[in-house]
N, C-alpha and C. Protein backbone atom coordinates (compact mmCIF):
# COMPACT_ATOMS: atom_id res chain seq x y z
N MET A 1 8.74 18.22 26.31
CA MET A 1 8.15 17.99 24.79
C MET A 1 8.79 16.67 23.85
N THR A 2 8.02 15.98 23.46
CA THR A 2 8.48 14.93 22.26
C THR A 2 8.88 15.61 21.01
N LYS A 3 10.05 14.51 20.44
CA LYS A 3 10.54 14.87 19.04
C LYS A 3 9.63 14.71 18.50
N THR A 4 9.37 15.05 17.58
CA THR A 4 8.78 14.51 16.42
C THR A 4 10.14 13.08 15.13
N PRO A 5 9.79 12.32 14.97
CA PRO A 5 10.85 12.04 13.88
C PRO A 5 11.07 12.37 12.16
N TYR A 6 12.17 12.69 11.92
CA TYR A 6 12.15 12.73 10.60
C TYR A 6 11.55 11.60 9.58
N SER A 7 10.73 12.00 8.98
CA SER A 7 10.32 11.17 8.09
C SER A 7 10.12 12.01 6.79
N PRO A 8 10.74 11.42 5.43
CA PRO A 8 10.80 11.91 4.53
C PRO A 8 9.33 11.94 3.78
N THR A 9 8.30 10.89 4.34
CA THR A 9 7.01 10.21 4.02
C THR A 9 6.54 11.73 4.45
N ALA A 10 6.43 12.10 6.10
CA ALA A 10 5.45 13.04 6.73
C ALA A 10 6.15 14.31 6.00
N ASN A 11 7.13 14.94 5.99
CA ASN A 11 7.32 15.65 5.40
C ASN A 11 6.86 16.34 3.54
N PHE A 12 6.79 14.76 2.74
CA PHE A 12 6.53 14.82 1.66
C PHE A 12 4.77 15.67 1.92
N LEU A 13 4.11 15.20 2.96
CA LEU A 13 2.67 14.74 2.97
C LEU A 13 2.56 16.41 3.07
N ARG A 14 3.53 16.99 4.74
CA ARG A 14 2.79 18.09 4.73
C ARG A 14 3.05 19.44 3.78
N ASP A 15 4.21 19.08 3.60
CA ASP A 15 4.46 20.41 1.70
C ASP A 15 3.43 19.93 1.28
N ALA A 16 2.99 18.85 0.57
CA ALA A 16 1.35 18.74 -0.43
C ALA A 16 0.36 19.51 0.21
N ILE A 17 0.31 19.25 2.03
CA ILE A 17 -0.58 19.62 2.12
C ILE A 17 -0.39 21.31 2.47
N ASP A 18 0.50 22.15 2.91
CA ASP A 18 0.46 23.58 2.83
C ASP A 18 0.65 23.83 1.64
N ALA A 19 0.99 23.07 0.70
CA ALA A 19 0.50 23.69 -0.93
C ALA A 19 -0.99 23.61 -1.44
N THR A 20 -1.95 23.41 -0.79
CA THR A 20 -2.73 23.11 -1.30
C THR A 20 -4.10 23.86 -0.74
N ASP A 21 -5.31 24.76 -1.42
CA ASP A 21 -5.87 25.28 -1.30
C ASP A 21 -7.52 25.09 -0.09
N LYS A 22 -7.35 23.54 -0.02
CA LYS A 22 -8.30 22.66 1.04
C LYS A 22 -8.08 22.70 1.96
N THR A 23 -8.56 22.41 2.70
CA THR A 23 -8.96 22.53 4.20
C THR A 23 -8.57 20.84 4.50
N GLN A 24 -8.02 20.68 5.93
CA GLN A 24 -7.68 19.28 5.94
C GLN A 24 -8.72 18.17 6.14
N ARG A 25 -9.81 18.80 6.30
CA ARG A 25 -11.11 18.04 6.71
C ARG A 25 -12.07 17.96 4.95
N GLU A 26 -11.57 18.87 3.91
CA GLU A 26 -11.92 17.81 2.67
C GLU A 26 -10.68 17.24 2.12
N LEU A 27 -9.73 17.36 2.69
CA LEU A 27 -8.73 16.22 2.21
C LEU A 27 -8.90 14.81 2.54
N ALA A 28 -9.31 14.85 3.72
CA ALA A 28 -9.38 13.70 4.49
C ALA A 28 -10.45 12.88 3.64
N ARG A 29 -11.94 13.73 3.89
CA ARG A 29 -12.99 13.28 3.14
C ARG A 29 -12.79 12.52 1.68
N ASP A 30 -11.92 13.66 0.91
CA ASP A 30 -11.72 13.47 -0.65
C ASP A 30 -10.28 11.95 -0.49
N ALA A 31 -9.59 11.98 0.32
CA ALA A 31 -8.89 10.96 0.56
C ALA A 31 -9.61 9.49 1.17
N GLY A 32 -10.48 9.24 1.44
CA GLY A 32 -11.41 8.43 2.49
C GLY A 32 -10.95 8.45 4.01
N LEU A 33 -10.43 9.42 4.47
CA LEU A 33 -9.68 8.82 5.55
C LEU A 33 -11.30 9.49 6.45
N PRO A 34 -10.92 8.38 7.70
CA PRO A 34 -12.58 8.73 8.58
C PRO A 34 -13.04 9.56 9.73
N HIS A 35 -11.24 11.04 10.01
CA HIS A 35 -10.86 11.73 10.20
C HIS A 35 -10.38 12.41 10.24
N PRO A 36 -9.96 13.86 9.77
CA PRO A 36 -8.73 15.02 9.40
C PRO A 36 -7.94 14.84 10.98
N ASN A 37 -7.84 14.30 11.46
CA ASN A 37 -7.42 14.04 13.05
C ASN A 37 -5.79 13.21 12.31
N VAL A 38 -6.70 12.00 11.57
CA VAL A 38 -5.42 11.10 11.63
C VAL A 38 -4.64 12.05 10.47
N LEU A 39 -5.16 12.60 9.29
CA LEU A 39 -4.25 13.94 8.36
C LEU A 39 -2.89 14.18 9.25
N SER A 40 -3.27 14.71 10.67
CA SER A 40 -2.73 15.61 11.11
C SER A 40 -1.72 14.27 11.69
N MET A 41 -2.09 13.22 11.90
CA MET A 41 -1.16 12.78 12.67
C MET A 41 0.13 11.95 11.73
N MET A 42 -0.28 11.66 10.54
CA MET A 42 0.12 11.16 9.69
C MET A 42 1.10 12.40 8.72
N LYS A 43 1.08 13.74 8.99
CA LYS A 43 2.17 14.96 8.24
C LYS A 43 3.06 14.94 9.76
N THR A 44 2.62 14.98 10.66
CA THR A 44 3.22 14.89 11.76
C THR A 44 4.55 14.19 12.38
N GLY A 45 4.02 12.47 10.97
CA GLY A 45 4.95 11.42 11.34
C GLY A 45 4.35 10.75 12.82
N GLU A 46 3.47 10.89 13.20
CA GLU A 46 3.41 10.10 15.02
C GLU A 46 2.52 8.78 14.44
N CYS A 47 1.99 8.75 12.63
CA CYS A 47 1.86 7.33 12.48
C CYS A 47 1.86 7.25 11.01
N LYS A 48 2.18 6.28 10.26
CA LYS A 48 3.22 5.54 8.98
C LYS A 48 1.40 6.44 8.19
N VAL A 49 1.76 6.84 7.33
CA VAL A 49 0.44 7.27 6.16
C VAL A 49 0.47 5.34 5.52
N PRO A 50 -0.52 4.62 5.42
CA PRO A 50 -0.65 3.51 4.87
C PRO A 50 -0.48 3.50 3.36
N ILE A 51 0.18 2.33 3.11
CA ILE A 51 0.05 2.45 1.40
C ILE A 51 -0.87 2.75 0.55
N SER A 52 -1.74 1.56 1.14
CA SER A 52 -2.80 1.81 0.10
C SER A 52 -3.79 2.79 0.19
N ARG A 53 -3.45 4.06 0.85
CA ARG A 53 -3.99 5.34 0.98
C ARG A 53 -3.15 6.57 0.09
N ILE A 54 -2.02 5.83 -0.09
CA ILE A 54 -1.22 6.74 -0.84
C ILE A 54 -1.82 7.21 -2.17
N PRO A 55 -2.72 6.59 -3.01
CA PRO A 55 -2.77 6.98 -4.44
C PRO A 55 -4.34 7.81 -4.15
N LYS A 56 -5.26 7.58 -3.09
CA LYS A 56 -6.59 8.67 -2.79
C LYS A 56 -5.77 9.55 -2.18
N LEU A 57 -4.61 9.60 -1.53
CA LEU A 57 -4.06 10.95 -1.03
C LEU A 57 -3.76 12.12 -2.05
N SER A 58 -2.77 11.42 -2.78
CA SER A 58 -2.13 11.93 -4.05
C SER A 58 -3.19 12.70 -4.99
N ALA A 59 -4.26 11.93 -4.61
CA ALA A 59 -5.48 12.50 -5.95
C ALA A 59 -6.09 13.90 -5.23
N ALA A 60 -6.06 13.76 -3.80
CA ALA A 60 -6.79 14.70 -2.73
C ALA A 60 -5.63 16.11 -3.02
N LEU A 61 -4.88 15.57 -3.26
CA LEU A 61 -3.08 17.01 -3.21
C LEU A 61 -2.97 17.23 -4.28
N GLY A 62 -3.63 16.22 -5.22
CA GLY A 62 -3.12 16.84 -6.61
C GLY A 62 -1.50 16.79 -6.99
N VAL A 63 -0.78 15.53 -6.17
CA VAL A 63 0.93 15.18 -6.13
C VAL A 63 1.38 14.01 -7.28
N ASP A 64 2.04 14.02 -7.55
CA ASP A 64 2.43 12.23 -7.98
C ASP A 64 2.71 11.79 -7.00
N SER A 65 1.71 10.31 -7.35
CA SER A 65 1.46 9.29 -6.73
C SER A 65 2.82 8.22 -6.56
N ASN A 66 3.91 8.50 -7.99
CA ASN A 66 4.97 7.50 -7.85
C ASN A 66 6.05 7.80 -6.83
N ARG A 67 5.80 8.99 -7.01
CA ARG A 67 6.66 9.81 -6.10
C ARG A 67 6.71 9.52 -4.31
N PHE A 68 5.27 9.90 -4.27
CA PHE A 68 4.58 9.95 -2.85
C PHE A 68 4.71 8.02 -2.54
N LEU A 69 5.00 7.23 -3.14
CA LEU A 69 4.98 5.51 -3.28
C LEU A 69 5.86 5.76 -3.00
N GLU A 70 6.82 6.30 -3.78
CA GLU A 70 8.76 5.50 -3.46
C GLU A 70 9.37 6.44 -2.04
N LEU A 71 8.58 7.13 -1.80
CA LEU A 71 9.21 8.06 -0.50
C LEU A 71 8.43 7.19 0.86
N ALA A 72 7.05 6.62 0.51
CA ALA A 72 7.04 5.35 1.93
C ALA A 72 7.59 4.49 1.35
N MET A 73 7.73 3.99 0.71
CA MET A 73 8.49 2.43 0.24
C MET A 73 9.85 2.58 0.87
N GLN A 74 10.39 3.49 0.44
CA GLN A 74 12.38 3.61 0.25
C GLN A 74 12.03 4.21 2.39
N GLU A 75 10.99 4.28 2.90
CA GLU A 75 11.01 4.34 4.75
C GLU A 75 10.94 3.51 4.81
N TYR A 76 9.53 3.29 4.79
CA TYR A 76 8.74 2.22 5.64
C TYR A 76 9.56 0.43 5.30
N HIS A 77 9.53 0.22 3.85
CA HIS A 77 10.05 -1.23 3.36
C HIS A 77 11.26 -1.04 2.71
N PRO A 78 12.48 -0.38 3.43
CA PRO A 78 13.41 -0.48 2.41
C PRO A 78 13.77 -1.52 1.54
N GLU A 79 13.88 -2.61 2.33
CA GLU A 79 14.17 -4.32 1.97
C GLU A 79 13.48 -4.34 0.39
N ILE A 80 12.09 -4.29 0.72
CA ILE A 80 11.70 -4.70 0.13
C ILE A 80 11.50 -3.85 -1.03
N TRP A 81 11.90 -2.51 -1.09
CA TRP A 81 11.81 -1.37 -2.21
C TRP A 81 13.07 -2.00 -2.81
N THR A 82 14.42 -2.08 -2.13
CA THR A 82 15.49 -2.36 -2.76
C THR A 82 15.14 -3.37 -4.06
N THR A 83 15.05 -4.64 -3.58
CA THR A 83 14.41 -5.88 -4.32
C THR A 83 13.46 -5.47 -4.95
N LEU A 84 12.65 -4.71 -5.49
CA LEU A 84 11.96 -4.28 -6.14
C LEU A 84 12.69 -3.63 -7.29
N GLN A 85 13.69 -2.69 -6.71
CA GLN A 85 14.10 -1.55 -7.96
C GLN A 85 15.12 -2.42 -8.30
N GLU A 86 15.60 -4.29 -7.36
CA GLU A 86 17.07 -4.14 -8.20
C GLU A 86 16.59 -4.98 -8.85
N ASP A 87 15.70 -6.32 -8.31
CA ASP A 87 15.55 -7.35 -9.03
C ASP A 87 14.65 -7.98 -9.34
N TYR A 88 12.98 -6.74 -9.53
CA TYR A 88 12.32 -7.40 -9.74
C TYR A 88 11.50 -6.31 -11.38
N ARG A 89 12.09 -6.51 -12.25
CA ARG A 89 11.70 -5.15 -13.33
C ARG A 89 11.33 -6.83 -14.70
N PRO A 90 10.72 -7.97 -14.78
CA PRO A 90 10.79 -8.44 -15.58
C PRO A 90 10.55 -8.37 -16.59
N LEU A 91 9.73 -7.21 -16.94
CA LEU A 91 9.70 -7.49 -18.70
C LEU A 91 10.36 -5.49 -19.36
N LEU A 92 11.67 -5.87 -17.88
CA LEU A 92 12.32 -4.88 -18.53
C LEU A 92 14.12 -5.37 -19.22
N ASP A 93 14.55 -4.68 -19.88
CA ASP A 93 15.83 -5.30 -20.55
C ASP A 93 16.93 -4.48 -19.55
N GLU A 94 18.17 -4.45 -19.89
CA GLU A 94 19.33 -3.56 -18.88
C GLU A 94 19.13 -2.12 -19.22
N ASN A 95 19.36 -2.26 -20.96
CA ASN A 95 18.53 -1.21 -21.29
C ASN A 95 17.45 0.05 -21.04
N GLU A 96 16.56 -0.56 -20.97
CA GLU A 96 15.23 0.21 -20.40
C GLU A 96 15.26 0.51 -19.10
N ARG A 97 15.80 -0.66 -17.92
CA ARG A 97 16.32 -0.18 -16.96
C ARG A 97 16.54 1.13 -16.47
N LYS A 98 18.21 1.24 -17.53
CA LYS A 98 18.47 2.64 -17.90
C LYS A 98 17.69 3.43 -17.95
N LEU A 99 17.44 3.94 -18.66
CA LEU A 99 16.41 4.65 -19.18
C LEU A 99 15.89 5.31 -18.36
N ILE A 100 14.75 4.09 -17.66
CA ILE A 100 13.79 4.27 -16.51
C ILE A 100 14.86 4.85 -15.32
N ASP A 101 15.67 4.79 -14.81
CA ASP A 101 16.81 5.09 -13.59
C ASP A 101 17.28 6.61 -14.06
N ILE A 102 16.76 7.28 -15.68
CA ILE A 102 17.88 8.32 -15.68
C ILE A 102 16.58 9.37 -15.75
N TYR A 103 14.91 8.41 -16.16
CA TYR A 103 14.42 9.43 -15.93
C TYR A 103 13.94 10.08 -14.54
N GLN A 104 13.93 8.62 -14.17
CA GLN A 104 13.18 8.45 -12.25
C GLN A 104 14.54 9.96 -11.82
N THR A 105 15.86 10.00 -12.56
CA THR A 105 16.83 11.12 -11.45
C THR A 105 16.24 12.15 -11.89
N ALA A 106 16.06 12.50 -13.15
CA ALA A 106 15.92 13.67 -13.92
C ALA A 106 14.46 14.14 -13.05
N ARG A 107 13.58 13.49 -13.07
CA ARG A 107 12.12 13.61 -12.29
C ARG A 107 12.03 14.21 -11.02
N PHE A 108 13.12 13.89 -9.89
CA PHE A 108 13.21 14.24 -8.67
C PHE A 108 13.21 15.58 -8.42
N ALA A 109 13.94 16.56 -9.86
CA ALA A 109 13.98 17.97 -9.86
C ALA A 109 12.62 18.66 -10.15
N GLY A 110 11.45 17.84 -10.81
CA GLY A 110 10.08 18.11 -11.07
C GLY A 110 9.79 17.44 -12.10
N PRO A 111 8.28 17.78 -12.12
CA PRO A 111 7.59 16.63 -12.94
C PRO A 111 8.22 16.99 -14.28
N ILE A 112 8.24 15.79 -15.34
CA ILE A 112 8.75 16.24 -16.59
C ILE A 112 7.21 16.07 -17.39
N PRO A 113 6.86 17.41 -18.18
CA PRO A 113 5.76 16.78 -18.89
C PRO A 113 6.12 16.22 -20.34
N MET A 114 5.50 15.16 -20.93
CA MET A 114 5.46 14.45 -21.94
C MET A 114 4.75 15.01 -23.21
N THR A 115 5.54 16.38 -23.45
CA THR A 115 4.87 17.18 -24.78
C THR A 115 5.21 16.58 -25.86
N ALA A 116 4.69 16.49 -26.69
CA ALA A 116 4.88 16.04 -28.15
C ALA A 116 6.29 16.82 -28.63
N ALA A 117 6.54 17.55 -28.52
CA ALA A 117 8.01 18.19 -28.67
C ALA A 117 9.44 17.03 -28.17
N LEU A 118 9.33 16.84 -27.04
CA LEU A 118 9.93 16.00 -26.05
C LEU A 118 10.06 14.85 -26.52
N LEU A 119 8.61 13.64 -27.30
CA LEU A 119 8.25 12.48 -27.56
C LEU A 119 9.16 12.81 -29.01
N ASP A 120 8.96 13.75 -29.46
CA ASP A 120 9.54 14.06 -30.90
C ASP A 120 11.34 14.18 -30.61
N ALA A 121 11.69 14.53 -30.15
CA ALA A 121 13.17 14.75 -29.49
C ALA A 121 13.64 13.04 -29.22
N LEU A 122 12.61 12.59 -28.42
CA LEU A 122 13.22 11.49 -28.13
C LEU A 122 13.51 10.11 -28.99
N HIS A 123 12.13 10.57 -29.86
CA HIS A 123 12.40 9.61 -30.51
C HIS A 123 13.03 9.93 -32.15
N GLY A 124 13.94 10.98 -31.96
CA GLY A 124 14.93 11.43 -32.90
C GLY A 124 16.11 10.32 -32.12
N LEU A 125 16.83 10.92 -31.13
CA LEU A 125 17.50 10.43 -30.16
C LEU A 125 17.78 8.78 -30.45
N PHE A 126 16.34 8.02 -30.48
CA PHE A 126 16.42 6.39 -30.61
C PHE A 126 16.85 6.25 -31.80
N LEU A 127 16.30 7.05 -32.98
CA LEU A 127 16.84 6.64 -34.45
C LEU A 127 18.13 7.17 -34.72
N VAL A 128 18.70 8.41 -34.54
CA VAL A 128 20.07 8.78 -34.44
C VAL A 128 21.04 6.99 -34.18
N ALA A 129 20.40 6.82 -32.35
CA ALA A 129 21.46 5.97 -31.73
C ALA A 129 21.30 4.26 -33.16
N VAL A 130 19.77 4.39 -33.29
CA VAL A 130 20.15 2.90 -34.09
C VAL A 130 20.32 2.61 -35.57
N VAL A 131 20.38 4.20 -36.09
CA VAL A 131 21.52 4.35 -37.57
C VAL A 131 23.12 4.51 -37.20
N GLY A 132 23.90 5.00 -36.14
CA GLY A 132 24.73 4.86 -35.60
C GLY A 132 25.46 3.60 -35.13
N GLU A 133 24.29 2.87 -34.59
CA GLU A 133 24.85 1.38 -34.36
C GLU A 133 24.61 0.60 -35.66
N ALA A 134 23.51 0.56 -37.04
CA ALA A 134 24.02 -0.11 -38.19
C ALA A 134 24.87 0.56 -39.29
N SER A 135 25.24 1.49 -38.81
CA SER A 135 26.43 1.91 -39.51
C SER A 135 27.50 1.62 -38.87
N SER A 136 28.01 1.58 -37.96
CA SER A 136 28.97 0.80 -37.10
C SER A 136 29.36 -0.27 -37.62
N GLU A 137 28.29 -0.88 -37.92
CA GLU A 137 28.10 -2.72 -37.87
C GLU A 137 28.50 -2.93 -39.60
N GLU A 138 28.79 -1.94 -40.44
CA GLU A 138 29.22 -2.40 -41.93
C GLU A 138 30.69 -2.23 -42.11
């Protein structure tokens, strides 16, 4: 008996498939896959999930495509992923990167809905930080 290799991406896909009420045939169709057996091979780790299929698979499964993509990139292309995370954020300064890192860490526990209350609270925190910085300069 051949043992299937451990794959965080395949595990994520399998868990998402198990959590949906759609059949694999429906999922394969919705994701634009030619045959449902391809989906079976991806969920067992027998073949990799094509990066280009992740957005459609995510939509078909109703899962966070960013998280799915992160897992696949970390597993399949760790050097590229690390480089992108560490060196390729050209439009963000260091403080913005820190905020994104905090958000992404918190998001691992589950989706964070951007409610009006959360946005108001974040806005208030930033105002406090700006006012606190301004008063310390006086």
